[in-house]
Amino acid sequence: MKLYGRICHDLNNITTEKLKASKPGVANVQGKYICHQCGNTDQTLFFQYYCHHCNKETTYCRYCVNFGKAQSCKDIYIIESKRHRTDGKYRLDFELSEQQRIASENIQRAVLKYEHLLLHAVTGAGKTEMIFAGISAARQKGDNIAVVSPRVDVVKEVYLRLTNAFKDEQIDLMYEGQFAQYNSTFVVATVHQLMRYDGHFNVVIVDEVDAFPLEMDQQLMHTIQKASAASASHIYLTATPNKQLLSQFNHSQIIKLPARYHGHPLPIPEFQFNTIKETKLNPKLLKFLKQQIEHERKTFVFFHDIRFMEKVFNIYRHYFSKIEYVSSIDPKRHEKVTRLRNNEIDIMFTTTILERGITLEKLDVVIVNTEKFNSSAIIQIAGRVGRKIAYPNGKVLCYHEGLTKQMMHAKNEIVKMNRLAFQKGWIT
């Protein structure tokens, strides 16, 4: 494996690669610190300690410390990037819809011209398949590609689709604990992993650009810029763009995709007043879950709070055999998601950790205390339902203790997208 375009802490790790530059890990520029590994300039994230190797006080960056300590008394090394052409061949088992074809052509055009593009596409629009032609064109030019997302679960799902389509490409999968195997010509990774690169990628495709932590952390957006080559195309994909993201693009750079690939409308949330307590069985929820089992359908039950979810789960676990719960702090999280995909779980109590990046057949969702969720989360959760062409319909039950503007906004946005898709003739 070659470290092309990488930031390296030890030159003994390279072989035939060429060194592009060396810099102190942390520099003091006009009285303020800057990290040359991640680009951090937040002064509260720089700390000092006495370095016994240098026998002097040194400053290091805490923001990127998990990627190797960047500090003022030691240099980091930037390895020269390299481009490598391939045939860019891919396999697609179905014909793109008219909407997907329009998006695919726009992406390919932006990639070839090194321009930026925002795809505002509803959940289940088939975004991943829309990027194939653009990736193929880029690889035929020898351009280096990164397909990134803030969420590990999304990254894994996208990686599986891309490796299935681009069977002749060497695709690196990178997230915490999972490292590159090849030469970083085609990378699928969490956004944080781009901190390992400098000026390397000609195409960066960001899936779920509005997801946590990317939407909350402008440093990660800077990381994307830093990892990009001087000539680079950025393609952003999301179902729920915020105002700040939309403001960065002009009208011609935003492609709106209101229809799902299978031509069926988005499920509309159903608002039901219903109080779920952590100490008492709720007859309405119990009845619904039992009906789901009878009809051989799967159910996600979404909660806003982990501890509250765990207490409610302990009530309902006695009534069902194939029931589980999962959250971001669950050490068995990935194992449970695998069991879910393997049809070993019928009912999953979950936080918003499963609002993206997973597609199942015969799935319905329940949101508990919907009034505590923002519109983006409600839209994403509703988007889990009806994604498969064989089962394009389903229920989105929103239990609440009072309607909110966020709830109404989410429902209105879904209705508006359905109306637009119908007007264009893309759904029936």
Protein backbone atom coordinates (compact mmCIF):
# COMPACT_ATOMS: atom_id res chain seq x y z
CA MET A 1 0.00 0.00 0.00
CA LYS A 2 1.26 3.45 -0.96
CA LEU A 3 0.56 6.56 1.12
CA TYR A 4 -0.20 8.86 -1.83
CA GLY A 5 -1.69 12.19 -0.76
CA ARG A 6 -1.43 11.23 2.90
CA ILE A 7 -0.19 13.09 5.95
CA CYS A 8 2.59 11.02 7.48
CA HIS A 9 4.31 11.25 10.88
CA ASP A 10 7.22 8.91 10.09
CA LEU A 11 9.08 8.81 6.75
CA ASN A 12 10.06 5.21 7.48
CA ASN A 13 6.48 4.31 6.55
CA ILE A 14 6.93 5.26 2.89
CA THR A 15 8.80 3.41 0.13
CA THR A 16 8.87 4.87 -3.40
CA GLU A 17 6.44 7.74 -2.68
CA LYS A 18 7.77 11.28 -3.00
CA LEU A 19 7.68 13.89 -0.25
CA LYS A 20 5.74 17.03 -1.22
CA ALA A 21 6.26 19.11 1.92
CA SER A 22 7.08 19.01 5.60
CA LYS A 23 5.64 21.35 8.22
CA PRO A 24 5.55 21.59 12.01
CA GLY A 25 2.45 19.79 13.23
CA VAL A 26 1.33 22.96 15.01
CA ALA A 27 2.54 26.45 14.06
CA ASN A 28 2.15 29.84 15.70
CA VAL A 29 1.03 32.35 13.07
CA GLN A 30 0.68 35.96 14.22
CA GLY A 31 0.13 34.90 17.81
CA LYS A 32 -2.45 32.17 17.04
CA TYR A 33 -1.99 28.45 16.67
CA ILE A 34 -2.92 26.49 13.56
CA CYS A 35 -2.79 22.70 13.14
CA HIS A 36 -1.25 21.62 9.83
CA GLN A 37 -2.73 18.14 10.13
CA CYS A 38 -6.45 19.05 10.36
CA GLY A 39 -6.43 22.82 9.84
CA ASN A 40 -7.91 23.55 13.27
CA THR A 41 -7.69 27.17 14.41
CA ASP A 42 -9.90 26.91 17.52
CA GLN A 43 -7.50 28.10 20.23
CA THR A 44 -9.42 26.26 22.95
CA LEU A 45 -8.38 22.94 21.36
CA PHE A 46 -4.63 23.58 21.63
CA PHE A 47 -2.83 22.40 24.79
CA GLN A 48 0.71 22.69 26.11
CA TYR A 49 2.89 20.19 27.94
CA TYR A 50 6.60 19.68 28.58
CA CYS A 51 8.09 17.36 25.93
CA HIS A 52 10.90 15.24 27.37
CA HIS A 53 12.17 14.36 23.86
CA CYS A 54 12.73 18.03 22.99
CA ASN A 55 13.30 19.24 26.54
CA LYS A 56 10.93 22.14 26.02
CA GLU A 57 7.28 23.04 26.17
CA THR A 58 5.31 21.97 23.11
CA THR A 59 1.80 22.68 21.85
CA TYR A 60 -0.43 19.99 20.37
CA CYS A 61 -3.88 19.86 18.75
CA ARG A 62 -6.58 17.90 20.52
CA TYR A 63 -9.05 18.04 17.64
CA CYS A 64 -7.20 15.45 15.52
CA VAL A 65 -5.17 13.65 18.18
CA ASN A 66 -6.76 10.31 17.23
CA PHE A 67 -5.00 10.56 13.85
CA GLY A 68 -1.54 10.98 15.36
CA LYS A 69 -0.41 13.78 17.62
CA ALA A 70 0.30 16.98 15.71
CA GLN A 71 2.58 19.17 17.83
CA SER A 72 4.81 22.19 17.47
CA CYS A 73 8.12 20.41 18.12
CA LYS A 74 7.70 17.73 15.45
CA ASP A 75 7.19 17.92 11.70
CA ILE A 76 4.46 16.18 9.77
CA TYR A 77 5.12 15.05 6.19
CA ILE A 78 2.78 15.50 3.24
CA ILE A 79 3.24 12.80 0.62
CA GLU A 80 2.88 13.71 -3.04
CA SER A 81 -0.42 12.65 -4.60
CA LYS A 82 -0.61 10.34 -7.59
CA ARG A 83 -3.31 9.69 -10.19
CA HIS A 84 -4.01 6.34 -11.84
CA ARG A 85 -6.46 5.69 -14.69
CA THR A 86 -8.82 2.71 -14.84
CA ASP A 87 -11.57 1.64 -17.24
CA GLY A 88 -14.15 2.86 -14.71
CA LYS A 89 -16.43 -0.06 -15.58
CA TYR A 90 -19.50 -0.61 -13.43
CA ARG A 91 -22.57 -2.81 -13.43
CA LEU A 92 -26.10 -1.56 -12.88
CA ASP A 93 -28.82 -4.21 -12.66
CA PHE A 94 -31.66 -1.88 -13.63
CA GLU A 95 -32.33 1.06 -15.90
CA LEU A 96 -32.26 4.49 -14.28
CA SER A 97 -35.55 6.34 -14.01
CA GLU A 98 -35.93 9.64 -15.88
CA GLN A 99 -35.26 11.54 -12.66
CA GLN A 100 -32.16 9.46 -11.86
CA ARG A 101 -30.87 9.87 -15.41
CA ILE A 102 -31.19 13.67 -15.22
CA ALA A 103 -29.33 13.70 -11.91
CA SER A 104 -26.67 11.29 -13.19
CA GLU A 105 -25.99 13.49 -16.23
CA ASN A 106 -25.68 16.59 -14.05
CA ILE A 107 -23.28 14.85 -11.68
CA GLN A 108 -21.14 13.57 -14.54
CA ARG A 109 -21.00 17.06 -16.06
CA ALA A 110 -19.98 18.63 -12.72
CA VAL A 111 -17.30 15.99 -12.12
CA LEU A 112 -15.76 16.48 -15.57
CA LYS A 113 -15.71 20.27 -15.16
CA TYR A 114 -14.60 20.18 -11.48
CA GLU A 115 -17.73 22.05 -10.41
CA HIS A 116 -19.84 21.75 -7.25
CA LEU A 117 -23.39 20.41 -7.07
CA LEU A 118 -26.11 19.86 -4.47
CA LEU A 119 -28.63 17.05 -4.93
CA HIS A 120 -31.74 17.70 -2.85
CA ALA A 121 -33.21 14.20 -3.21
CA VAL A 122 -35.97 12.58 -1.21
CA THR A 123 -35.12 9.51 0.85
CA GLY A 124 -35.21 6.43 -1.35
CA ALA A 125 -34.58 8.37 -4.57
CA GLY A 126 -31.68 6.06 -5.45
CA LYS A 127 -28.91 8.60 -4.86
CA THR A 128 -26.09 6.05 -4.78
CA GLU A 129 -26.87 4.77 -8.27
CA MET A 130 -26.94 8.35 -9.58
CA ILE A 131 -23.24 8.82 -8.78
CA PHE A 132 -22.00 5.77 -10.72
CA ALA A 133 -21.57 7.48 -14.11
CA GLY A 134 -19.73 10.42 -12.51
CA ILE A 135 -17.39 8.07 -10.66
CA SER A 136 -16.76 6.12 -13.86
CA ALA A 137 -15.89 9.28 -15.82
CA ALA A 138 -13.55 10.43 -13.05
CA ARG A 139 -11.71 7.11 -12.83
CA GLN A 140 -11.24 7.06 -16.62
CA LYS A 141 -9.43 10.41 -16.22
CA GLY A 142 -7.37 9.02 -13.35
CA ASP A 143 -9.04 11.27 -10.80
CA ASN A 144 -8.93 10.25 -7.14
CA ILE A 145 -12.36 9.85 -5.55
CA ALA A 146 -13.66 9.99 -1.98
CA VAL A 147 -17.25 9.06 -1.17
CA VAL A 148 -17.82 10.14 2.42
CA SER A 149 -20.55 10.43 5.03
CA PRO A 150 -20.67 11.47 8.69
CA ARG A 151 -22.23 8.11 9.71
CA VAL A 152 -20.42 4.76 9.85
CA ASP A 153 -23.63 2.85 9.05
CA VAL A 154 -24.14 4.93 5.88
CA VAL A 155 -20.50 4.43 4.87
CA LYS A 156 -20.79 0.65 5.18
CA GLU A 157 -23.99 0.49 3.14
CA VAL A 158 -22.58 2.74 0.38
CA TYR A 159 -19.36 0.69 0.30
CA LEU A 160 -21.30 -2.54 -0.28
CA ARG A 161 -23.21 -0.98 -3.19
CA LEU A 162 -20.09 0.50 -4.77
CA THR A 163 -18.00 -2.68 -4.50
CA ASN A 164 -20.88 -4.63 -6.04
CA ALA A 165 -21.07 -2.18 -8.96
CA PHE A 166 -17.36 -1.41 -9.49
CA LYS A 167 -15.94 -4.91 -9.21
CA ASP A 168 -12.63 -4.09 -10.94
CA GLU A 169 -11.83 -1.08 -8.75
CA GLN A 170 -9.68 -1.20 -5.63
CA ILE A 171 -11.93 0.59 -3.15
CA ASP A 172 -10.66 1.48 0.32
CA LEU A 173 -13.11 1.40 3.24
CA MET A 174 -12.12 3.66 6.12
CA TYR A 175 -13.69 4.48 9.47
CA GLU A 176 -12.51 4.31 13.08
CA GLY A 177 -10.64 1.03 13.43
CA GLN A 178 -10.85 0.23 9.69
CA PHE A 179 -7.87 1.35 7.61
CA ALA A 180 -7.02 1.64 3.92
CA GLN A 181 -5.75 -1.48 2.11
CA TYR A 182 -4.95 0.02 -1.30
CA ASN A 183 -3.51 3.27 -2.66
CA SER A 184 -6.38 5.68 -1.94
CA THR A 185 -7.44 6.18 -5.56
CA PHE A 186 -11.05 5.36 -4.62
CA VAL A 187 -12.01 5.76 -0.97
CA VAL A 188 -15.29 5.27 0.92
CA ALA A 189 -14.94 6.74 4.40
CA THR A 190 -16.34 8.72 7.27
CA VAL A 191 -15.61 12.44 6.87
CA HIS A 192 -13.13 12.39 9.77
CA GLN A 193 -10.86 10.03 7.81
CA LEU A 194 -10.16 12.78 5.27
CA MET A 195 -7.91 14.35 7.92
CA ARG A 196 -5.36 11.78 6.78
CA TYR A 197 -5.09 13.46 3.35
CA ASP A 198 -3.89 16.75 1.90
CA GLY A 199 -4.71 17.94 -1.64
CA HIS A 200 -5.37 14.41 -2.88
CA PHE A 201 -8.97 14.00 -4.09
CA ASN A 202 -10.31 15.38 -7.37
CA VAL A 203 -13.89 14.31 -6.58
CA VAL A 204 -15.48 14.31 -3.12
CA ILE A 205 -19.05 13.03 -2.88
CA VAL A 206 -20.64 13.75 0.50
CA ASP A 207 -23.68 11.60 1.29
CA GLU A 208 -26.02 12.78 4.07
CA VAL A 209 -24.21 16.11 4.30
CA ASP A 210 -26.73 17.38 6.88
CA ALA A 211 -26.18 14.49 9.32
CA PHE A 212 -24.54 14.85 12.74
CA PRO A 213 -21.73 15.67 13.35
CA LEU A 214 -21.07 17.28 9.95
CA GLU A 215 -23.91 19.80 10.24
CA MET A 216 -22.63 20.93 13.64
CA ASP A 217 -18.91 20.99 12.90
CA GLN A 218 -17.57 23.48 10.36
CA GLN A 219 -14.09 22.08 10.95
CA LEU A 220 -15.17 18.92 9.14
CA MET A 221 -16.29 20.98 6.16
CA HIS A 222 -12.81 22.53 6.17
CA THR A 223 -11.37 18.99 6.26
CA ILE A 224 -13.14 18.23 2.97
CA GLN A 225 -11.57 21.32 1.39
CA LYS A 226 -8.12 20.47 2.72
CA ALA A 227 -8.23 16.90 1.41
CA SER A 228 -9.25 18.11 -2.06
CA ALA A 229 -6.91 18.81 -4.97
CA ALA A 230 -6.61 22.31 -6.44
CA SER A 231 -9.08 21.23 -9.17
CA ALA A 232 -11.86 19.33 -7.48
CA SER A 233 -15.58 18.69 -7.71
CA HIS A 234 -17.73 18.45 -4.58
CA ILE A 235 -21.09 16.68 -4.87
CA TYR A 236 -23.40 16.97 -1.85
CA LEU A 237 -26.34 14.59 -1.39
CA THR A 238 -29.14 15.08 1.13
CA ALA A 239 -32.88 14.80 1.65
CA THR A 240 -32.96 17.61 4.20
CA PRO A 241 -30.66 20.53 3.28
CA ASN A 242 -30.58 23.37 5.80
CA LYS A 243 -30.63 27.07 4.87
CA GLN A 244 -26.89 27.47 5.41
CA LEU A 245 -26.10 24.67 2.95
CA LEU A 246 -28.59 25.92 0.35
CA SER A 247 -27.08 29.42 0.54
CA GLN A 248 -23.73 28.09 -0.71
CA PHE A 249 -25.15 27.17 -4.12
CA ASN A 250 -26.81 29.15 -6.89
CA HIS A 251 -30.03 27.94 -8.50
CA SER A 252 -28.28 26.12 -11.36
CA GLN A 253 -26.16 24.12 -8.90
CA ILE A 254 -29.14 22.63 -7.02
CA ILE A 255 -30.86 19.57 -8.50
CA LYS A 256 -34.18 18.77 -6.80
CA LEU A 257 -35.31 15.14 -6.98
CA PRO A 258 -38.82 14.73 -5.49
CA ALA A 259 -39.55 11.09 -6.46
CA ARG A 260 -38.40 7.71 -5.25
CA TYR A 261 -36.80 5.47 -7.84
CA HIS A 262 -39.74 3.02 -7.81
CA GLY A 263 -42.33 5.66 -8.69
CA HIS A 264 -44.43 5.43 -5.52
CA PRO A 265 -45.11 8.42 -3.23
CA LEU A 266 -43.37 9.03 0.09
CA PRO A 267 -45.29 7.74 3.14
CA ILE A 268 -47.07 10.56 4.99
CA PRO A 269 -46.62 10.77 8.78
CA GLU A 270 -49.75 10.06 10.86
CA PHE A 271 -49.94 12.17 14.02
CA GLN A 272 -51.57 10.42 16.99
CA PHE A 273 -51.86 11.81 20.50
CA ASN A 274 -50.43 9.08 22.74
CA THR A 275 -48.33 9.24 25.91
CA ILE A 276 -45.66 6.56 26.32
CA LYS A 277 -44.48 6.11 29.91
CA GLU A 278 -41.36 4.39 31.16
CA THR A 279 -43.21 2.67 34.00
CA LYS A 280 -46.43 1.55 32.35
CA LEU A 281 -47.47 -0.57 29.37
CA ASN A 282 -49.15 1.40 26.61
CA PRO A 283 -52.09 -0.64 25.14
CA LYS A 284 -52.09 1.21 21.80
CA LEU A 285 -48.38 0.61 21.17
CA LEU A 286 -48.58 -3.01 22.34
CA LYS A 287 -51.54 -3.70 20.05
CA PHE A 288 -49.76 -2.14 17.07
CA LEU A 289 -46.56 -4.15 17.66
CA LYS A 290 -48.53 -7.40 17.94
CA GLN A 291 -50.31 -6.62 14.68
CA GLN A 292 -46.95 -6.04 13.07
CA ILE A 293 -45.80 -9.52 14.07
CA GLU A 294 -49.05 -11.05 12.79
CA HIS A 295 -48.60 -9.31 9.42
CA GLU A 296 -44.92 -10.31 9.29
CA ARG A 297 -43.72 -6.72 9.17
CA LYS A 298 -40.73 -5.18 10.90
CA THR A 299 -40.87 -2.13 13.17
CA PHE A 300 -38.47 0.58 14.24
CA VAL A 301 -39.59 2.47 17.36
CA PHE A 302 -37.66 5.75 17.62
CA PHE A 303 -36.89 7.54 20.91
CA HIS A 304 -35.30 10.91 21.68
CA ASP A 305 -33.49 9.73 24.82
CA ILE A 306 -31.36 6.62 25.38
CA ARG A 307 -32.17 6.03 29.07
CA PHE A 308 -35.87 6.56 28.52
CA MET A 309 -35.75 4.09 25.61
CA GLU A 310 -34.00 1.44 27.71
CA LYS A 311 -36.63 1.67 30.46
CA VAL A 312 -39.50 1.42 27.99
CA PHE A 313 -37.77 -1.50 26.26
CA ASN A 314 -37.62 -3.43 29.54
CA ILE A 315 -41.43 -3.35 29.64
CA TYR A 316 -42.04 -4.60 26.09
CA ARG A 317 -39.24 -7.16 25.84
CA HIS A 318 -41.37 -9.62 27.82
CA TYR A 319 -44.04 -9.66 25.09
CA PHE A 320 -41.85 -10.38 22.05
CA SER A 321 -39.07 -12.84 21.31
CA LYS A 322 -37.28 -11.02 18.47
CA ILE A 323 -37.03 -7.54 19.99
CA GLU A 324 -33.89 -5.47 20.64
CA TYR A 325 -32.72 -1.92 21.29
CA VAL A 326 -29.75 0.00 19.93
CA SER A 327 -28.08 3.39 20.37
CA SER A 328 -24.80 5.18 19.62
CA ILE A 329 -23.33 4.09 22.97
CA ASP A 330 -24.28 0.43 22.54
CA PRO A 331 -21.06 -1.67 22.30
CA LYS A 332 -23.02 -4.30 20.35
CA ARG A 333 -24.47 -1.76 17.94
CA HIS A 334 -22.89 -3.13 14.74
CA GLU A 335 -23.67 -6.72 15.75
CA LYS A 336 -27.34 -5.83 16.29
CA VAL A 337 -27.59 -4.08 12.93
CA THR A 338 -26.15 -7.21 11.29
CA ARG A 339 -28.75 -9.35 13.07
CA LEU A 340 -31.41 -6.92 11.89
CA ARG A 341 -30.30 -7.34 8.28
CA ASN A 342 -30.23 -11.13 8.76
CA ASN A 343 -33.92 -11.14 9.76
CA GLU A 344 -33.15 -12.08 13.38
CA ILE A 345 -34.94 -9.03 14.84
CA ASP A 346 -38.57 -8.01 14.23
CA ILE A 347 -38.82 -4.97 16.52
CA MET A 348 -35.97 -2.54 17.10
CA PHE A 349 -36.19 0.22 19.69
CA THR A 350 -33.69 2.84 18.55
CA THR A 351 -32.47 6.41 18.79
CA THR A 352 -31.87 8.46 15.64
CA ILE A 353 -28.80 6.28 15.02
CA LEU A 354 -30.97 4.29 12.57
CA GLU A 355 -32.65 7.26 10.91
CA ARG A 356 -30.23 6.90 7.98
CA GLY A 357 -28.18 4.33 6.14
CA ILE A 358 -30.35 1.23 6.43
CA THR A 359 -32.94 -0.22 4.05
CA LEU A 360 -35.27 -3.08 4.98
CA GLU A 361 -38.32 -4.68 3.40
CA LYS A 362 -41.74 -4.63 5.09
CA LEU A 363 -40.71 -1.91 7.53
CA ASP A 364 -42.93 0.50 9.47
CA VAL A 365 -41.84 3.09 12.03
CA VAL A 366 -43.17 4.58 15.25
CA ILE A 367 -41.81 7.82 16.66
CA VAL A 368 -42.30 8.27 20.41
CA ASN A 369 -42.61 11.89 21.62
CA THR A 370 -42.43 13.24 18.09
CA GLU A 371 -42.69 16.76 19.49
CA LYS A 372 -39.09 16.38 20.70
CA PHE A 373 -37.71 15.72 17.19
CA ASN A 374 -36.79 18.34 14.59
CA SER A 375 -38.24 18.29 11.09
CA SER A 376 -35.07 16.88 9.53
CA ALA A 377 -35.11 13.85 11.84
CA ILE A 378 -38.82 13.23 11.23
CA ILE A 379 -38.32 13.35 7.45
CA GLN A 380 -35.35 10.99 7.64
CA ILE A 381 -37.19 8.56 9.93
CA ALA A 382 -40.25 8.56 7.67
CA GLY A 383 -37.85 7.87 4.81
CA ARG A 384 -37.01 4.44 6.23
CA VAL A 385 -40.46 3.21 5.14
CA GLY A 386 -41.40 1.91 1.70
CA ARG A 387 -37.93 2.04 0.16
CA LYS A 388 -38.05 -1.38 -1.54
CA ILE A 389 -39.81 -1.70 -4.88
CA ALA A 390 -41.56 -4.92 -3.79
CA TYR A 391 -42.94 -3.19 -0.65
CA PRO A 392 -43.27 0.54 -1.48
CA ASN A 393 -45.82 1.39 1.22
CA GLY A 394 -45.93 1.46 5.00
CA LYS A 395 -46.86 3.34 8.16
CA VAL A 396 -45.17 6.28 9.86
CA LEU A 397 -46.89 6.61 13.25
CA CYS A 398 -45.96 9.75 15.15
CA TYR A 399 -47.02 9.52 18.79
CA HIS A 400 -47.00 12.93 20.43
CA GLU A 401 -48.23 14.99 23.37
CA GLY A 402 -48.81 18.14 21.33
CA LEU A 403 -48.23 19.25 17.74
CA THR A 404 -45.19 21.41 16.97
CA LYS A 405 -44.09 23.58 14.04
CA GLN A 406 -41.28 21.12 13.36
CA MET A 407 -43.79 18.27 13.02
CA MET A 408 -46.03 20.23 10.67
CA HIS A 409 -43.04 21.41 8.62
CA ALA A 410 -41.85 17.82 8.16
CA LYS A 411 -45.26 16.63 7.01
CA ASN A 412 -45.70 19.61 4.69
CA GLU A 413 -42.28 19.03 3.11
CA ILE A 414 -43.12 15.39 2.37
CA VAL A 415 -46.52 16.34 0.92
CA LYS A 416 -44.87 19.08 -1.18
CA MET A 417 -42.30 16.67 -2.62
CA ASN A 418 -45.05 14.16 -3.48
CA ARG A 419 -47.02 16.90 -5.22
CA LEU A 420 -43.97 18.03 -7.23
CA ALA A 421 -43.14 14.45 -8.24
CA PHE A 422 -46.75 13.88 -9.34
CA GLN A 423 -46.72 17.10 -11.40
CA LYS A 424 -43.58 15.94 -13.20
CA GLY A 425 -45.14 12.54 -13.87
CA TRP A 426 -42.52 10.71 -11.85
CA ILE A 427 -44.99 9.08 -9.43
CA THR A 428 -48.51 7.76 -9.98
